[in-house]
Amino acid sequence: MTAERVTFTVHRTWLAAGALIALLAVMTGAFGAHGLRGMVSARGLEVFQTAVTYQMYHAIALVLVALLSGTGLSRRLLGVAGGFFLAGILLFSGSLYLLVLTDIRWVGPITPLGGVCFMVGWAAMVGAALRRSV
């Protein structure tokens, strides 16, 4: 497999991951808006919506990683950003979903770790923008 083919596959992987996670955000948001009303508190719905919002923002960020990977920016740093965005979605949004749906309180402290992952991902994007290497 050539380096060009591997690079194209990586672009497609980030694009597919971002699109799938965005689809799941839309589905999860609809579930929260229609399926949870009356089942959880207003605060629970607010927390659930926060999880959906951050999931969607970072799904779009994954699509951005895929698009930028072909522009000559540092693919390594873009890959780091994508990995941290994905981890942030799982830790941040995932912990909030669990908290609202199960009321398991020990997952609450996991949420800030997801936020840190989002920040590291965006910092890696800054690095990729400032460093034009492949």
N, C-alpha and C. Protein backbone atom coordinates (compact mmCIF):
# COMPACT_ATOMS: atom_id res chain seq x y z
N MET A 1 0.85 -1.17 0.00
CA MET A 1 0.00 0.00 0.00
C MET A 1 0.90 1.24 0.00
N THR A 2 0.62 2.17 -0.89
CA THR A 2 1.44 3.37 -1.00
C THR A 2 1.09 4.36 0.11
N ALA A 3 2.03 5.29 0.35
CA ALA A 3 1.81 6.32 1.37
C ALA A 3 0.59 7.17 1.02
N GLU A 4 0.41 7.42 -0.28
CA GLU A 4 -0.76 8.21 -0.71
C GLU A 4 -2.06 7.48 -0.38
N ARG A 5 -2.08 6.18 -0.59
CA ARG A 5 -3.27 5.38 -0.30
C ARG A 5 -3.56 5.34 1.20
N VAL A 6 -2.51 5.22 2.01
CA VAL A 6 -2.67 5.21 3.46
C VAL A 6 -3.24 6.55 3.92
N THR A 7 -2.70 7.64 3.39
CA THR A 7 -3.18 8.98 3.75
C THR A 7 -4.65 9.14 3.38
N PHE A 8 -5.03 8.70 2.19
CA PHE A 8 -6.42 8.78 1.77
C PHE A 8 -7.32 7.97 2.69
N THR A 9 -6.86 6.80 3.10
CA THR A 9 -7.64 5.95 4.02
C THR A 9 -7.81 6.64 5.36
N VAL A 10 -6.77 7.31 5.86
CA VAL A 10 -6.86 8.04 7.13
C VAL A 10 -7.87 9.17 7.00
N HIS A 11 -7.83 9.93 5.89
CA HIS A 11 -8.82 11.00 5.68
C HIS A 11 -10.23 10.42 5.74
N ARG A 12 -10.43 9.32 5.04
CA ARG A 12 -11.76 8.71 4.99
C ARG A 12 -12.19 8.20 6.35
N THR A 13 -11.25 7.69 7.13
CA THR A 13 -11.58 7.18 8.46
C THR A 13 -12.07 8.30 9.35
N TRP A 14 -11.37 9.45 9.37
CA TRP A 14 -11.81 10.59 10.20
C TRP A 14 -13.14 11.13 9.70
N LEU A 15 -13.31 11.18 8.37
CA LEU A 15 -14.56 11.66 7.81
C LEU A 15 -15.72 10.74 8.21
N ALA A 16 -15.52 9.43 8.07
CA ALA A 16 -16.58 8.48 8.44
C ALA A 16 -16.88 8.54 9.93
N ALA A 17 -15.84 8.64 10.76
CA ALA A 17 -16.06 8.72 12.21
C ALA A 17 -16.83 9.98 12.56
N GLY A 18 -16.44 11.11 11.99
CA GLY A 18 -17.14 12.37 12.27
C GLY A 18 -18.58 12.33 11.83
N ALA A 19 -18.82 11.81 10.62
CA ALA A 19 -20.18 11.74 10.10
C ALA A 19 -21.05 10.80 10.94
N LEU A 20 -20.49 9.66 11.32
CA LEU A 20 -21.24 8.71 12.14
C LEU A 20 -21.57 9.31 13.51
N ILE A 21 -20.61 9.97 14.12
CA ILE A 21 -20.83 10.56 15.44
C ILE A 21 -21.83 11.71 15.34
N ALA A 22 -21.81 12.46 14.23
CA ALA A 22 -22.81 13.52 14.02
C ALA A 22 -24.20 12.91 13.87
N LEU A 23 -24.30 11.84 13.10
CA LEU A 23 -25.59 11.13 12.96
C LEU A 23 -26.10 10.68 14.32
N LEU A 24 -25.22 10.10 15.12
CA LEU A 24 -25.62 9.66 16.46
C LEU A 24 -26.03 10.83 17.34
N ALA A 25 -25.39 11.99 17.15
CA ALA A 25 -25.77 13.18 17.93
C ALA A 25 -27.19 13.62 17.58
N VAL A 26 -27.51 13.59 16.29
CA VAL A 26 -28.87 13.96 15.87
C VAL A 26 -29.88 12.97 16.46
N MET A 27 -29.58 11.70 16.37
CA MET A 27 -30.48 10.67 16.90
C MET A 27 -30.63 10.80 18.42
N THR A 28 -29.50 11.02 19.10
CA THR A 28 -29.52 11.15 20.55
C THR A 28 -30.26 12.42 20.97
N GLY A 29 -30.06 13.50 20.22
CA GLY A 29 -30.78 14.73 20.50
C GLY A 29 -32.28 14.57 20.35
N ALA A 30 -32.70 13.85 19.32
CA ALA A 30 -34.13 13.60 19.12
C ALA A 30 -34.68 12.74 20.25
N PHE A 31 -33.91 11.75 20.66
CA PHE A 31 -34.32 10.91 21.80
C PHE A 31 -34.48 11.75 23.05
N GLY A 32 -33.52 12.64 23.29
CA GLY A 32 -33.59 13.49 24.47
C GLY A 32 -34.78 14.43 24.44
N ALA A 33 -35.03 15.01 23.27
CA ALA A 33 -36.11 15.98 23.14
C ALA A 33 -37.49 15.33 23.21
N HIS A 34 -37.61 14.14 22.69
CA HIS A 34 -38.93 13.50 22.62
C HIS A 34 -39.11 12.34 23.58
N GLY A 35 -38.06 11.56 23.78
CA GLY A 35 -38.19 10.36 24.59
C GLY A 35 -37.97 10.56 26.08
N LEU A 36 -37.20 11.59 26.43
CA LEU A 36 -36.88 11.78 27.85
C LEU A 36 -37.78 12.80 28.54
N ARG A 37 -38.50 13.59 27.78
CA ARG A 37 -39.35 14.60 28.39
C ARG A 37 -40.36 13.92 29.32
N GLY A 38 -40.41 14.38 30.52
CA GLY A 38 -41.31 13.78 31.51
C GLY A 38 -40.67 12.63 32.28
N MET A 39 -39.55 12.11 31.77
CA MET A 39 -38.89 10.99 32.44
C MET A 39 -37.72 11.45 33.30
N VAL A 40 -37.11 12.58 32.92
CA VAL A 40 -36.00 13.14 33.71
C VAL A 40 -36.33 14.58 34.02
N SER A 41 -35.64 15.14 34.97
CA SER A 41 -35.88 16.52 35.40
C SER A 41 -35.48 17.50 34.29
N ALA A 42 -35.90 18.74 34.46
CA ALA A 42 -35.50 19.79 33.51
C ALA A 42 -33.98 19.94 33.50
N ARG A 43 -33.36 19.83 34.66
CA ARG A 43 -31.90 19.90 34.74
C ARG A 43 -31.27 18.72 33.99
N GLY A 44 -31.87 17.54 34.12
CA GLY A 44 -31.38 16.37 33.40
C GLY A 44 -31.45 16.58 31.90
N LEU A 45 -32.55 17.17 31.41
CA LEU A 45 -32.67 17.46 29.98
C LEU A 45 -31.62 18.48 29.53
N GLU A 46 -31.34 19.44 30.38
CA GLU A 46 -30.32 20.45 30.08
C GLU A 46 -28.94 19.81 29.97
N VAL A 47 -28.62 18.94 30.90
CA VAL A 47 -27.33 18.24 30.89
C VAL A 47 -27.24 17.34 29.65
N PHE A 48 -28.32 16.65 29.34
CA PHE A 48 -28.36 15.77 28.17
C PHE A 48 -28.11 16.59 26.90
N GLN A 49 -28.76 17.76 26.81
CA GLN A 49 -28.58 18.63 25.64
C GLN A 49 -27.14 19.13 25.54
N THR A 50 -26.52 19.41 26.67
CA THR A 50 -25.11 19.82 26.66
C THR A 50 -24.25 18.71 26.06
N ALA A 51 -24.52 17.47 26.45
CA ALA A 51 -23.77 16.34 25.91
C ALA A 51 -23.96 16.23 24.40
N VAL A 52 -25.19 16.39 23.94
CA VAL A 52 -25.47 16.31 22.50
C VAL A 52 -24.75 17.44 21.75
N THR A 53 -24.80 18.64 22.31
CA THR A 53 -24.18 19.79 21.66
C THR A 53 -22.67 19.59 21.51
N TYR A 54 -22.01 19.19 22.58
CA TYR A 54 -20.56 18.98 22.50
C TYR A 54 -20.22 17.80 21.59
N GLN A 55 -21.06 16.79 21.57
CA GLN A 55 -20.84 15.67 20.66
C GLN A 55 -20.89 16.17 19.22
N MET A 56 -21.89 16.99 18.89
CA MET A 56 -22.01 17.48 17.52
C MET A 56 -20.86 18.41 17.15
N TYR A 57 -20.50 19.34 18.03
CA TYR A 57 -19.38 20.23 17.74
C TYR A 57 -18.12 19.44 17.41
N HIS A 58 -17.87 18.39 18.17
CA HIS A 58 -16.62 17.67 17.99
C HIS A 58 -16.72 16.61 16.89
N ALA A 59 -17.93 16.21 16.53
CA ALA A 59 -18.09 15.40 15.31
C ALA A 59 -17.72 16.24 14.10
N ILE A 60 -18.15 17.49 14.10
CA ILE A 60 -17.77 18.41 13.03
C ILE A 60 -16.27 18.65 13.03
N ALA A 61 -15.67 18.72 14.21
CA ALA A 61 -14.22 18.87 14.31
C ALA A 61 -13.51 17.67 13.68
N LEU A 62 -14.05 16.46 13.85
CA LEU A 62 -13.46 15.28 13.22
C LEU A 62 -13.54 15.36 11.70
N VAL A 63 -14.65 15.86 11.18
CA VAL A 63 -14.77 16.07 9.74
C VAL A 63 -13.74 17.10 9.28
N LEU A 64 -13.55 18.13 10.08
CA LEU A 64 -12.53 19.15 9.78
C LEU A 64 -11.13 18.54 9.75
N VAL A 65 -10.85 17.66 10.68
CA VAL A 65 -9.55 16.95 10.69
C VAL A 65 -9.37 16.21 9.37
N ALA A 66 -10.42 15.52 8.92
CA ALA A 66 -10.33 14.77 7.65
C ALA A 66 -10.06 15.73 6.49
N LEU A 67 -10.77 16.83 6.45
CA LEU A 67 -10.60 17.78 5.34
C LEU A 67 -9.23 18.44 5.36
N LEU A 68 -8.75 18.78 6.54
CA LEU A 68 -7.46 19.46 6.64
C LEU A 68 -6.28 18.52 6.43
N SER A 69 -6.50 17.22 6.57
CA SER A 69 -5.41 16.27 6.43
C SER A 69 -4.81 16.27 5.03
N GLY A 70 -5.54 16.74 4.06
CA GLY A 70 -5.03 16.77 2.69
C GLY A 70 -4.48 18.12 2.28
N THR A 71 -4.27 19.03 3.22
CA THR A 71 -3.87 20.40 2.86
C THR A 71 -2.39 20.70 3.07
N GLY A 72 -1.62 19.75 3.53
CA GLY A 72 -0.20 20.00 3.79
C GLY A 72 0.09 20.36 5.23
N LEU A 73 -0.94 20.45 6.07
CA LEU A 73 -0.71 20.67 7.49
C LEU A 73 -0.18 19.38 8.12
N SER A 74 0.35 19.48 9.29
CA SER A 74 0.92 18.31 9.97
C SER A 74 -0.14 17.23 10.20
N ARG A 75 -0.02 16.15 9.46
CA ARG A 75 -0.98 15.04 9.62
C ARG A 75 -0.84 14.40 10.99
N ARG A 76 0.36 14.41 11.52
CA ARG A 76 0.57 13.84 12.85
C ARG A 76 -0.21 14.62 13.89
N LEU A 77 -0.09 15.95 13.86
CA LEU A 77 -0.82 16.77 14.83
C LEU A 77 -2.33 16.72 14.60
N LEU A 78 -2.73 16.64 13.33
CA LEU A 78 -4.16 16.51 13.06
C LEU A 78 -4.68 15.17 13.57
N GLY A 79 -3.87 14.12 13.45
CA GLY A 79 -4.26 12.82 13.99
C GLY A 79 -4.37 12.85 15.51
N VAL A 80 -3.44 13.55 16.15
CA VAL A 80 -3.50 13.73 17.60
C VAL A 80 -4.79 14.46 17.96
N ALA A 81 -5.10 15.53 17.22
CA ALA A 81 -6.33 16.28 17.48
C ALA A 81 -7.55 15.38 17.34
N GLY A 82 -7.59 14.61 16.26
CA GLY A 82 -8.73 13.72 16.05
C GLY A 82 -8.88 12.70 17.17
N GLY A 83 -7.78 12.14 17.61
CA GLY A 83 -7.82 11.17 18.70
C GLY A 83 -8.33 11.78 19.99
N PHE A 84 -7.89 13.00 20.29
CA PHE A 84 -8.36 13.66 21.51
C PHE A 84 -9.82 14.10 21.37
N PHE A 85 -10.24 14.51 20.18
CA PHE A 85 -11.65 14.84 19.99
C PHE A 85 -12.52 13.61 20.23
N LEU A 86 -12.10 12.49 19.69
CA LEU A 86 -12.85 11.24 19.87
C LEU A 86 -12.89 10.84 21.34
N ALA A 87 -11.75 10.91 22.02
CA ALA A 87 -11.71 10.59 23.45
C ALA A 87 -12.59 11.55 24.24
N GLY A 88 -12.56 12.83 23.86
CA GLY A 88 -13.39 13.82 24.55
C GLY A 88 -14.87 13.53 24.39
N ILE A 89 -15.28 13.14 23.20
CA ILE A 89 -16.69 12.79 22.97
C ILE A 89 -17.09 11.64 23.87
N LEU A 90 -16.26 10.61 23.90
CA LEU A 90 -16.59 9.44 24.72
C LEU A 90 -16.63 9.78 26.21
N LEU A 91 -15.62 10.53 26.67
CA LEU A 91 -15.54 10.83 28.10
C LEU A 91 -16.52 11.92 28.53
N PHE A 92 -16.58 13.01 27.78
CA PHE A 92 -17.43 14.14 28.17
C PHE A 92 -18.91 13.80 27.92
N SER A 93 -19.26 13.62 26.66
CA SER A 93 -20.66 13.36 26.34
C SER A 93 -21.12 12.03 26.92
N GLY A 94 -20.27 11.01 26.80
CA GLY A 94 -20.64 9.69 27.32
C GLY A 94 -20.93 9.71 28.80
N SER A 95 -20.10 10.41 29.58
CA SER A 95 -20.33 10.45 31.02
C SER A 95 -21.60 11.22 31.35
N LEU A 96 -21.88 12.28 30.60
CA LEU A 96 -23.12 13.02 30.85
C LEU A 96 -24.35 12.19 30.49
N TYR A 97 -24.28 11.46 29.38
CA TYR A 97 -25.40 10.58 29.02
C TYR A 97 -25.64 9.56 30.13
N LEU A 98 -24.56 8.93 30.60
CA LEU A 98 -24.69 7.95 31.68
C LEU A 98 -25.26 8.57 32.95
N LEU A 99 -24.80 9.74 33.27
CA LEU A 99 -25.26 10.42 34.47
C LEU A 99 -26.77 10.68 34.41
N VAL A 100 -27.24 11.18 33.28
CA VAL A 100 -28.66 11.49 33.14
C VAL A 100 -29.51 10.22 33.08
N LEU A 101 -29.06 9.23 32.32
CA LEU A 101 -29.87 8.04 32.08
C LEU A 101 -29.85 7.03 33.22
N THR A 102 -28.75 7.01 33.99
CA THR A 102 -28.63 5.99 35.04
C THR A 102 -28.55 6.57 36.44
N ASP A 103 -28.28 7.87 36.55
CA ASP A 103 -28.10 8.53 37.83
C ASP A 103 -26.93 7.94 38.62
N ILE A 104 -25.97 7.33 37.91
CA ILE A 104 -24.75 6.83 38.55
C ILE A 104 -23.83 8.03 38.75
N ARG A 105 -23.64 8.43 39.98
CA ARG A 105 -22.93 9.67 40.30
C ARG A 105 -21.42 9.58 40.10
N TRP A 106 -20.83 8.40 40.18
CA TRP A 106 -19.37 8.32 40.08
C TRP A 106 -18.85 8.67 38.69
N VAL A 107 -19.73 8.72 37.68
CA VAL A 107 -19.26 9.09 36.34
C VAL A 107 -19.09 10.60 36.21
N GLY A 108 -19.65 11.37 37.13
CA GLY A 108 -19.53 12.83 37.08
C GLY A 108 -18.10 13.33 37.00
N PRO A 109 -17.19 12.81 37.82
CA PRO A 109 -15.80 13.28 37.75
C PRO A 109 -15.08 12.94 36.43
N ILE A 110 -15.64 12.06 35.61
CA ILE A 110 -15.03 11.72 34.33
C ILE A 110 -15.25 12.85 33.32
N THR A 111 -16.34 13.58 33.47
CA THR A 111 -16.70 14.62 32.50
C THR A 111 -15.58 15.64 32.27
N PRO A 112 -14.94 16.18 33.32
CA PRO A 112 -13.87 17.15 33.07
C PRO A 112 -12.68 16.57 32.30
N LEU A 113 -12.44 15.28 32.43
CA LEU A 113 -11.37 14.66 31.64
C LEU A 113 -11.68 14.77 30.15
N GLY A 114 -12.95 14.59 29.82
CA GLY A 114 -13.36 14.77 28.42
C GLY A 114 -13.16 16.20 27.96
N GLY A 115 -13.45 17.16 28.85
CA GLY A 115 -13.22 18.56 28.52
C GLY A 115 -11.76 18.85 28.27
N VAL A 116 -10.90 18.24 29.06
CA VAL A 116 -9.45 18.40 28.87
C VAL A 116 -9.06 17.80 27.52
N CYS A 117 -9.62 16.66 27.17
CA CYS A 117 -9.34 16.06 25.86
C CYS A 117 -9.74 17.01 24.72
N PHE A 118 -10.89 17.66 24.85
CA PHE A 118 -11.30 18.62 23.83
C PHE A 118 -10.27 19.74 23.71
N MET A 119 -9.81 20.25 24.86
CA MET A 119 -8.83 21.34 24.84
C MET A 119 -7.51 20.90 24.19
N VAL A 120 -7.06 19.71 24.52
CA VAL A 120 -5.81 19.20 23.91
C VAL A 120 -6.01 19.03 22.41
N GLY A 121 -7.16 18.55 22.00
CA GLY A 121 -7.44 18.41 20.57
C GLY A 121 -7.38 19.73 19.84
N TRP A 122 -7.99 20.76 20.42
CA TRP A 122 -7.94 22.08 19.78
C TRP A 122 -6.53 22.66 19.81
N ALA A 123 -5.79 22.42 20.87
CA ALA A 123 -4.39 22.87 20.91
C ALA A 123 -3.57 22.18 19.81
N ALA A 124 -3.83 20.91 19.58
CA ALA A 124 -3.14 20.20 18.50
C ALA A 124 -3.51 20.78 17.14
N MET A 125 -4.76 21.21 16.99
CA MET A 125 -5.18 21.87 15.74
C MET A 125 -4.42 23.18 15.55
N VAL A 126 -4.24 23.94 16.63
CA VAL A 126 -3.46 25.17 16.56
C VAL A 126 -2.04 24.84 16.10
N GLY A 127 -1.46 23.81 16.72
CA GLY A 127 -0.13 23.38 16.34
C GLY A 127 -0.05 22.98 14.88
N ALA A 128 -1.04 22.26 14.41
CA ALA A 128 -1.06 21.84 13.00
C ALA A 128 -1.15 23.05 12.08
N ALA A 129 -1.92 24.04 12.50
CA ALA A 129 -2.07 25.25 11.66
C ALA A 129 -0.78 26.05 11.59
N LEU A 130 0.00 26.02 12.66
CA LEU A 130 1.23 26.82 12.71
C LEU A 130 2.45 26.08 12.17
N ARG A 131 2.34 24.78 12.00
CA ARG A 131 3.47 23.96 11.58
C ARG A 131 3.11 23.27 10.26
N ARG A 132 3.67 23.75 9.17
CA ARG A 132 3.33 23.22 7.86
C ARG A 132 4.28 22.08 7.48
N SER A 133 4.14 20.98 8.14
CA SER A 133 4.92 19.81 7.76
C SER A 133 3.97 18.63 7.60
N VAL A 134 4.42 17.63 6.85
CA VAL A 134 3.55 16.49 6.58
C VAL A 134 3.80 15.36 7.50
